[in-house]
């Protein structure tokens, strides 16, 4: 994060420019026969949390965060969490939940996204991601659809290694 902070300060064209980041350190798979670590390290710089999906449930995970990059900080706490075999972490941009929810000026929000995700909790990884994006788009359609950029990445721990 410190290097990204330095780069942002060096490259930005205005002092009001900032960026939010969520970084995960995922240990590589070990040699055959050795147990993989299920621990990963998350560092958040002002970015929204992530979804943990598995076993028919979905939870919103929000590790402790430092400020967004560009706000002159050098302290972003590291947080370790478990990614058990068969579960997946869904990293996303705020464009997925800042769209309208179809009711006046109400936005989907993190709580609405979590409810939508829980309604699709039993789907396998790729279908879960598609259903979440399609559901958010459908809810926002009466107001012209989703208007912000959307990026979604799901990381799943399998019995032998981490899949991206």
C-alpha atoms as a PDB file:
ATOM      1  CA  UNK A   1       0.000   0.000   0.000  1.00  0.00           C
ATOM      2  CA  UNK A   2       2.845   2.385   0.763  1.00  0.00           C
ATOM      3  CA  UNK A   3       4.258   1.953  -2.745  1.00  0.00           C
ATOM      4  CA  UNK A   4       0.813   2.458  -4.305  1.00  0.00           C
ATOM      5  CA  UNK A   5       0.385   5.569  -2.156  1.00  0.00           C
ATOM      6  CA  UNK A   6       3.724   6.951  -3.401  1.00  0.00           C
ATOM      7  CA  UNK A   7       2.802   6.197  -7.015  1.00  0.00           C
ATOM      8  CA  UNK A   8      -0.574   7.891  -6.696  1.00  0.00           C
ATOM      9  CA  UNK A   9       1.005  11.031  -5.242  1.00  0.00           C
ATOM     10  CA  UNK A  10       3.602  11.088  -8.023  1.00  0.00           C
ATOM     11  CA  UNK A  11       1.161  10.439 -10.886  1.00  0.00           C
ATOM     12  CA  UNK A  12      -2.037  12.265  -9.942  1.00  0.00           C
ATOM     13  CA  UNK A  13      -2.960  15.485 -11.706  1.00  0.00           C
ATOM     14  CA  UNK A  14      -4.888  17.028  -8.787  1.00  0.00           C
ATOM     15  CA  UNK A  15      -4.683  16.824  -4.996  1.00  0.00           C
ATOM     16  CA  UNK A  16      -8.312  15.675  -4.735  1.00  0.00           C
ATOM     17  CA  UNK A  17      -7.667  12.379  -6.506  1.00  0.00           C
ATOM     18  CA  UNK A  18      -7.772   9.234  -4.376  1.00  0.00           C
ATOM     19  CA  UNK A  19      -8.233   5.493  -4.864  1.00  0.00           C
ATOM     20  CA  UNK A  20      -9.673   2.697  -2.786  1.00  0.00           C
ATOM     21  CA  UNK A  21      -7.983  -0.704  -2.737  1.00  0.00           C
ATOM     22  CA  UNK A  22      -8.593  -4.157  -1.287  1.00  0.00           C
ATOM     23  CA  UNK A  23      -5.564  -6.408  -1.437  1.00  0.00           C
ATOM     24  CA  UNK A  24      -5.415 -10.107  -0.605  1.00  0.00           C
ATOM     25  CA  UNK A  25      -2.253 -12.126  -0.004  1.00  0.00           C
ATOM     26  CA  UNK A  26      -3.046 -15.750  -0.766  1.00  0.00           C
ATOM     27  CA  UNK A  27      -0.309 -18.273   0.003  1.00  0.00           C
ATOM     28  CA  UNK A  28       0.572 -20.560  -2.909  1.00  0.00           C
ATOM     29  CA  UNK A  29      -0.360 -24.211  -2.897  1.00  0.00           C
ATOM     30  CA  UNK A  30       2.224 -26.476  -1.364  1.00  0.00           C
ATOM     31  CA  UNK A  31       3.783 -29.562  -2.941  1.00  0.00           C
ATOM     32  CA  UNK A  32       1.526 -32.620  -3.292  1.00  0.00           C
ATOM     33  CA  UNK A  33       0.915 -34.238   0.059  1.00  0.00           C
ATOM     34  CA  UNK A  34       1.427 -31.083   2.131  1.00  0.00           C
ATOM     35  CA  UNK A  35      -1.553 -29.266   3.586  1.00  0.00           C
ATOM     36  CA  UNK A  36      -2.297 -25.836   2.157  1.00  0.00           C
ATOM     37  CA  UNK A  37      -2.827 -22.920   4.493  1.00  0.00           C
ATOM     38  CA  UNK A  38      -6.404 -21.680   4.569  1.00  0.00           C
ATOM     39  CA  UNK A  39      -5.266 -18.315   6.011  1.00  0.00           C
ATOM     40  CA  UNK A  40      -5.156 -15.253   3.780  1.00  0.00           C
ATOM     41  CA  UNK A  41      -4.188 -11.670   4.586  1.00  0.00           C
ATOM     42  CA  UNK A  42      -6.417  -8.741   3.620  1.00  0.00           C
ATOM     43  CA  UNK A  43      -5.430  -5.067   3.538  1.00  0.00           C
ATOM     44  CA  UNK A  44      -8.103  -2.433   2.853  1.00  0.00           C
ATOM     45  CA  UNK A  45      -7.506   1.184   1.929  1.00  0.00           C
ATOM     46  CA  UNK A  46     -10.991   2.695   2.067  1.00  0.00           C
ATOM     47  CA  UNK A  47     -12.454  -0.004  -0.196  1.00  0.00           C
ATOM     48  CA  UNK A  48     -15.732  -1.839   0.496  1.00  0.00           C
ATOM     49  CA  UNK A  49     -15.579  -5.292   2.017  1.00  0.00           C
ATOM     50  CA  UNK A  50     -16.214  -8.602   0.267  1.00  0.00           C
ATOM     51  CA  UNK A  51     -18.627 -11.517   0.288  1.00  0.00           C
ATOM     52  CA  UNK A  52     -17.786 -14.981   1.636  1.00  0.00           C
ATOM     53  CA  UNK A  53     -19.899 -17.660  -0.057  1.00  0.00           C
ATOM     54  CA  UNK A  54     -19.996 -21.335   0.783  1.00  0.00           C
ATOM     55  CA  UNK A  55     -21.993 -24.048   2.477  1.00  0.00           C
ATOM     56  CA  UNK A  56     -25.259 -22.478   1.279  1.00  0.00           C
ATOM     57  CA  UNK A  57     -24.618 -19.159   3.051  1.00  0.00           C
ATOM     58  CA  UNK A  58     -23.181 -15.739   2.238  1.00  0.00           C
ATOM     59  CA  UNK A  59     -21.626 -13.297   4.709  1.00  0.00           C
ATOM     60  CA  UNK A  60     -20.359  -9.740   4.300  1.00  0.00           C
ATOM     61  CA  UNK A  61     -16.714  -9.603   5.408  1.00  0.00           C
ATOM     62  CA  UNK A  62     -15.261  -6.198   6.202  1.00  0.00           C
ATOM     63  CA  UNK A  63     -11.729  -6.358   7.581  1.00  0.00           C
ATOM     64  CA  UNK A  64     -10.402  -3.286   9.419  1.00  0.00           C
ATOM     65  CA  UNK A  65      -9.487  -0.541   6.969  1.00  0.00           C
ATOM     66  CA  UNK A  66      -7.095   2.345   6.633  1.00  0.00           C
ATOM     67  CA  UNK A  67      -7.858   5.460   4.618  1.00  0.00           C
ATOM     68  CA  UNK A  68      -8.089   5.530   0.834  1.00  0.00           C
ATOM     69  CA  UNK A  69      -4.852   5.998  -1.066  1.00  0.00           C
ATOM     70  CA  UNK A  70      -4.067   9.640  -1.732  1.00  0.00           C
ATOM     71  CA  UNK A  71      -5.125  10.846   1.718  1.00  0.00           C
ATOM     72  CA  UNK A  72      -1.539  10.919   3.043  1.00  0.00           C
ATOM     73  CA  UNK A  73      -1.507   7.886   5.264  1.00  0.00           C
ATOM     74  CA  UNK A  74       1.010   5.150   5.837  1.00  0.00           C
ATOM     75  CA  UNK A  75      -1.015   2.889   8.095  1.00  0.00           C
ATOM     76  CA  UNK A  76      -3.219   0.158   6.662  1.00  0.00           C
ATOM     77  CA  UNK A  77      -3.930  -2.686   9.070  1.00  0.00           C
ATOM     78  CA  UNK A  78      -3.416  -6.263   7.966  1.00  0.00           C
ATOM     79  CA  UNK A  79      -6.172  -8.710   8.806  1.00  0.00           C
ATOM     80  CA  UNK A  80      -5.927 -12.483   8.587  1.00  0.00           C
ATOM     81  CA  UNK A  81      -8.986 -14.536   7.764  1.00  0.00           C
ATOM     82  CA  UNK A  82      -9.836 -18.086   6.855  1.00  0.00           C
ATOM     83  CA  UNK A  83     -10.820 -19.195   3.383  1.00  0.00           C
ATOM     84  CA  UNK A  84     -11.886 -22.786   4.026  1.00  0.00           C
ATOM     85  CA  UNK A  85     -11.942 -25.403   1.291  1.00  0.00           C
ATOM     86  CA  UNK A  86     -15.146 -25.127  -0.756  1.00  0.00           C
ATOM     87  CA  UNK A  87     -15.764 -21.453   0.050  1.00  0.00           C
ATOM     88  CA  UNK A  88     -15.198 -18.438  -2.140  1.00  0.00           C
ATOM     89  CA  UNK A  89     -14.455 -14.770  -1.566  1.00  0.00           C
ATOM     90  CA  UNK A  90     -16.149 -12.330  -3.898  1.00  0.00           C
ATOM     91  CA  UNK A  91     -14.256  -9.063  -4.353  1.00  0.00           C
ATOM     92  CA  UNK A  92     -16.203  -6.286  -6.023  1.00  0.00           C
ATOM     93  CA  UNK A  93     -16.291  -2.623  -6.902  1.00  0.00           C
ATOM     94  CA  UNK A  94     -18.952  -0.364  -5.410  1.00  0.00           C
ATOM     95  CA  UNK A  95     -20.640  -0.075  -8.810  1.00  0.00           C
ATOM     96  CA  UNK A  96     -22.352  -3.376  -8.033  1.00  0.00           C
ATOM     97  CA  UNK A  97     -24.253  -2.031  -5.026  1.00  0.00           C
ATOM     98  CA  UNK A  98     -24.476   1.717  -5.662  1.00  0.00           C
ATOM     99  CA  UNK A  99     -27.059   1.276  -8.417  1.00  0.00           C
ATOM    100  CA  UNK A 100     -30.710   2.056  -7.837  1.00  0.00           C
ATOM    101  CA  UNK A 101     -32.881  -0.717  -6.448  1.00  0.00           C
ATOM    102  CA  UNK A 102     -35.923   0.123  -8.543  1.00  0.00           C
ATOM    103  CA  UNK A 103     -37.720   2.026  -5.781  1.00  0.00           C
ATOM    104  CA  UNK A 104     -37.505   5.800  -6.241  1.00  0.00           C
ATOM    105  CA  UNK A 105     -34.055   7.036  -5.285  1.00  0.00           C
ATOM    106  CA  UNK A 106     -33.242   4.031  -3.069  1.00  0.00           C
ATOM    107  CA  UNK A 107     -29.901   2.404  -3.795  1.00  0.00           C
ATOM    108  CA  UNK A 108     -29.242  -1.321  -3.487  1.00  0.00           C
ATOM    109  CA  UNK A 109     -26.476  -0.721  -0.918  1.00  0.00           C
ATOM    110  CA  UNK A 110     -24.374  -3.298   0.864  1.00  0.00           C
ATOM    111  CA  UNK A 111     -27.358  -4.719   2.785  1.00  0.00           C
ATOM    112  CA  UNK A 112     -29.374  -5.109  -0.412  1.00  0.00           C
ATOM    113  CA  UNK A 113     -26.443  -6.746  -2.160  1.00  0.00           C
ATOM    114  CA  UNK A 114     -26.049  -9.173   0.746  1.00  0.00           C
ATOM    115  CA  UNK A 115     -29.767 -10.053   0.593  1.00  0.00           C
ATOM    116  CA  UNK A 116     -29.497 -10.589  -3.173  1.00  0.00           C
ATOM    117  CA  UNK A 117     -26.388 -12.728  -2.686  1.00  0.00           C
ATOM    118  CA  UNK A 118     -28.088 -14.829  -0.022  1.00  0.00           C
ATOM    119  CA  UNK A 119     -30.951 -15.537  -2.425  1.00  0.00           C
ATOM    120  CA  UNK A 120     -28.382 -17.199  -4.730  1.00  0.00           C
ATOM    121  CA  UNK A 121     -26.114 -18.678  -2.035  1.00  0.00           C
ATOM    122  CA  UNK A 122     -26.393 -22.290  -3.204  1.00  0.00           C
ATOM    123  CA  UNK A 123     -25.234 -21.603  -6.763  1.00  0.00           C
ATOM    124  CA  UNK A 124     -21.734 -22.682  -7.804  1.00  0.00           C
ATOM    125  CA  UNK A 125     -19.121 -19.912  -8.123  1.00  0.00           C
ATOM    126  CA  UNK A 126     -19.499 -18.771 -11.759  1.00  0.00           C
ATOM    127  CA  UNK A 127     -23.318 -18.987 -11.664  1.00  0.00           C
ATOM    128  CA  UNK A 128     -23.343 -17.119  -8.346  1.00  0.00           C
ATOM    129  CA  UNK A 129     -21.321 -14.236  -9.838  1.00  0.00           C
ATOM    130  CA  UNK A 130     -23.570 -14.075 -12.915  1.00  0.00           C
ATOM    131  CA  UNK A 131     -26.754 -14.143 -10.807  1.00  0.00           C
ATOM    132  CA  UNK A 132     -25.458 -11.345  -8.573  1.00  0.00           C
ATOM    133  CA  UNK A 133     -24.547  -9.062 -11.485  1.00  0.00           C
ATOM    134  CA  UNK A 134     -27.784  -9.871 -13.358  1.00  0.00           C
ATOM    135  CA  UNK A 135     -29.858  -9.291 -10.206  1.00  0.00           C
ATOM    136  CA  UNK A 136     -28.279  -5.895  -9.503  1.00  0.00           C
ATOM    137  CA  UNK A 137     -28.744  -4.899 -13.152  1.00  0.00           C
ATOM    138  CA  UNK A 138     -32.389  -6.013 -13.120  1.00  0.00           C
ATOM    139  CA  UNK A 139     -33.119  -4.016  -9.961  1.00  0.00           C
ATOM    140  CA  UNK A 140     -31.513  -0.911 -11.476  1.00  0.00           C
ATOM    141  CA  UNK A 141     -33.199  -1.304 -14.890  1.00  0.00           C
ATOM    142  CA  UNK A 142     -36.213   0.955 -14.148  1.00  0.00           C
ATOM    143  CA  UNK A 143     -33.723   3.819 -13.590  1.00  0.00           C
ATOM    144  CA  UNK A 144     -31.606   3.053 -16.667  1.00  0.00           C
ATOM    145  CA  UNK A 145     -29.567   0.155 -15.296  1.00  0.00           C
ATOM    146  CA  UNK A 146     -26.238   0.151 -13.547  1.00  0.00           C
ATOM    147  CA  UNK A 147     -24.266   3.267 -14.444  1.00  0.00           C
ATOM    148  CA  UNK A 148     -20.972   2.818 -12.584  1.00  0.00           C
ATOM    149  CA  UNK A 149     -18.177   0.457 -13.538  1.00  0.00           C
ATOM    150  CA  UNK A 150     -18.391  -3.066 -12.180  1.00  0.00           C
ATOM    151  CA  UNK A 151     -15.541  -5.447 -11.495  1.00  0.00           C
ATOM    152  CA  UNK A 152     -16.073  -8.769  -9.719  1.00  0.00           C
ATOM    153  CA  UNK A 153     -13.497 -11.409  -8.856  1.00  0.00           C
ATOM    154  CA  UNK A 154     -14.302 -14.650  -7.048  1.00  0.00           C
ATOM    155  CA  UNK A 155     -11.484 -16.646  -5.437  1.00  0.00           C
ATOM    156  CA  UNK A 156     -12.303 -20.176  -4.283  1.00  0.00           C
ATOM    157  CA  UNK A 157     -10.282 -22.549  -2.178  1.00  0.00           C
ATOM    158  CA  UNK A 158     -10.430 -26.092  -3.595  1.00  0.00           C
ATOM    159  CA  UNK A 159      -9.055 -29.256  -2.043  1.00  0.00           C
ATOM    160  CA  UNK A 160      -5.725 -28.918  -3.820  1.00  0.00           C
ATOM    161  CA  UNK A 161      -5.229 -25.224  -4.582  1.00  0.00           C
ATOM    162  CA  UNK A 162      -6.769 -21.805  -4.880  1.00  0.00           C
ATOM    163  CA  UNK A 163      -8.687 -21.167  -8.118  1.00  0.00           C
ATOM    164  CA  UNK A 164      -9.158 -17.721  -9.690  1.00  0.00           C
END
